[in-house]
C-alpha atoms as a PDB file:
ATOM      1  CA  MET A   1     169.085 -64.497  16.813  1.00  0.00           C
ATOM      2  CA  PRO A   2     168.602 -64.477  13.019  1.00  0.00           C
ATOM      3  CA  PRO A   3     170.875 -62.239  10.966  1.00  0.00           C
ATOM      4  CA  ALA A   4     169.633 -58.771  10.153  1.00  0.00           C
ATOM      5  CA  PRO A   5     168.109 -58.401   6.683  1.00  0.00           C
ATOM      6  CA  ALA A   6     170.233 -56.749   4.032  1.00  0.00           C
ATOM      7  CA  ARG A   7     169.621 -53.075   3.511  1.00  0.00           C
ATOM      8  CA  PRO A   8     167.872 -52.075   0.307  1.00  0.00           C
ATOM      9  CA  LEU A   9     170.107 -50.682  -2.430  1.00  0.00           C
ATOM     10  CA  THR A  10     170.469 -46.951  -2.876  1.00  0.00           C
ATOM     11  CA  ALA A  11     169.662 -45.183  -6.147  1.00  0.00           C
ATOM     12  CA  TYR A  12     173.394 -44.965  -6.915  1.00  0.00           C
ATOM     13  CA  GLN A  13     173.905 -48.672  -6.240  1.00  0.00           C
ATOM     14  CA  LEU A  14     170.981 -49.516  -8.520  1.00  0.00           C
ATOM     15  CA  TYR A  15     172.482 -47.312 -11.237  1.00  0.00           C
ATOM     16  CA  ILE A  16     175.750 -49.239 -11.023  1.00  0.00           C
ATOM     17  CA  ARG A  17     173.958 -52.593 -11.087  1.00  0.00           C
ATOM     18  CA  VAL A  18     171.869 -51.667 -14.146  1.00  0.00           C
ATOM     19  CA  ASN A  19     174.836 -50.233 -16.067  1.00  0.00           C
ATOM     20  CA  LYS A  20     177.643 -52.482 -14.825  1.00  0.00           C
ATOM     21  CA  GLU A  21     178.428 -54.244 -18.102  1.00  0.00           C
ATOM     22  CA  ARG A  22     178.715 -50.982 -20.006  1.00  0.00           C
ATOM     23  CA  LEU A  23     180.719 -49.332 -17.237  1.00  0.00           C
ATOM     24  CA  ALA A  24     183.123 -52.276 -17.016  1.00  0.00           C
ATOM     25  CA  ALA A  25     184.497 -51.394 -20.442  1.00  0.00           C
ATOM     26  CA  ALA A  26     185.509 -47.923 -19.251  1.00  0.00           C
ATOM     27  CA  ALA A  27     189.133 -47.234 -18.399  1.00  0.00           C
ATOM     28  CA  GLY A  28     189.701 -46.727 -14.695  1.00  0.00           C
ATOM     29  CA  GLY A  29     187.154 -49.255 -13.520  1.00  0.00           C
ATOM     30  CA  VAL A  30     183.453 -49.539 -12.894  1.00  0.00           C
ATOM     31  CA  LEU A  31     183.241 -47.298  -9.839  1.00  0.00           C
ATOM     32  CA  ALA A  32     185.216 -44.430 -11.347  1.00  0.00           C
ATOM     33  CA  ALA A  33     183.118 -44.495 -14.513  1.00  0.00           C
ATOM     34  CA  ALA A  34     179.884 -44.797 -12.542  1.00  0.00           C
ATOM     35  CA  ALA A  35     180.770 -41.876 -10.287  1.00  0.00           C
ATOM     36  CA  ALA A  36     181.606 -39.653 -13.245  1.00  0.00           C
ATOM     37  CA  GLU A  37     178.405 -40.563 -15.072  1.00  0.00           C
ATOM     38  CA  TRP A  38     176.233 -40.271 -11.952  1.00  0.00           C
ATOM     39  CA  LYS A  39     177.489 -36.731 -11.355  1.00  0.00           C
ATOM     40  CA  GLY A  40     176.546 -35.838 -14.927  1.00  0.00           C
ATOM     41  CA  LEU A  41     172.992 -37.188 -14.774  1.00  0.00           C
ATOM     42  CA  SER A  42     170.127 -34.743 -14.581  1.00  0.00           C
ATOM     43  CA  ASP A  43     167.806 -34.825 -11.586  1.00  0.00           C
ATOM     44  CA  ALA A  44     165.124 -36.375 -13.800  1.00  0.00           C
ATOM     45  CA  GLU A  45     167.475 -39.193 -14.815  1.00  0.00           C
ATOM     46  CA  LYS A  46     168.488 -39.804 -11.198  1.00  0.00           C
ATOM     47  CA  GLN A  47     164.821 -39.841 -10.185  1.00  0.00           C
ATOM     48  CA  ARG A  48     164.329 -43.115 -12.085  1.00  0.00           C
ATOM     49  CA  TYR A  49     166.830 -44.837  -9.813  1.00  0.00           C
ATOM     50  CA  SER A  50     165.501 -43.091  -6.708  1.00  0.00           C
ATOM     51  CA  ASP A  51     162.038 -44.423  -7.528  1.00  0.00           C
ATOM     52  CA  LEU A  52     163.415 -47.953  -7.954  1.00  0.00           C
ATOM     53  CA  ALA A  53     165.269 -47.704  -4.648  1.00  0.00           C
ATOM     54  CA  ARG A  54     162.163 -46.442  -2.852  1.00  0.00           C
ATOM     55  CA  GLN A  55     160.099 -49.254  -4.361  1.00  0.00           C
ATOM     56  CA  GLN A  56     162.580 -51.910  -3.240  1.00  0.00           C
ATOM     57  CA  HIS A  57     162.714 -50.401   0.241  1.00  0.00           C
ATOM     58  CA  GLN A  58     158.928 -50.522   0.533  1.00  0.00           C
ATOM     59  CA  GLN A  59     158.837 -54.129  -0.668  1.00  0.00           C
ATOM     60  CA  GLN A  60     161.453 -55.106   1.901  1.00  0.00           C
ATOM     61  CA  GLN A  61     159.508 -53.396   4.682  1.00  0.00           C
ATOM     62  CA  GLN A  62     156.333 -55.241   3.656  1.00  0.00           C
ATOM     63  CA  GLN A  63     158.173 -58.579   3.676  1.00  0.00           C
ATOM     64  CA  GLN A  64     159.562 -57.875   7.133  1.00  0.00           C
ATOM     65  CA  GLN A  65     156.125 -57.006   8.478  1.00  0.00           C
ATOM     66  CA  GLN A  66     154.681 -60.243   7.120  1.00  0.00           C
ATOM     67  CA  GLN A  67     157.257 -62.346   8.973  1.00  0.00           C
END
């Protein structure tokens, strides 16, 4: 049985990936800085990452259906 495909990234995970270099310079580590910033983002700012996550999820579903 082939391994299960990886799950698509969440909006929060995409935010960390996009901003990782900048967050790495923050004291306390990447995850602590990301969590603090994510909480401070407006809904409109978070929507950008939600849209990216939804798009990746749809692409993954299409790829799975083609196999």
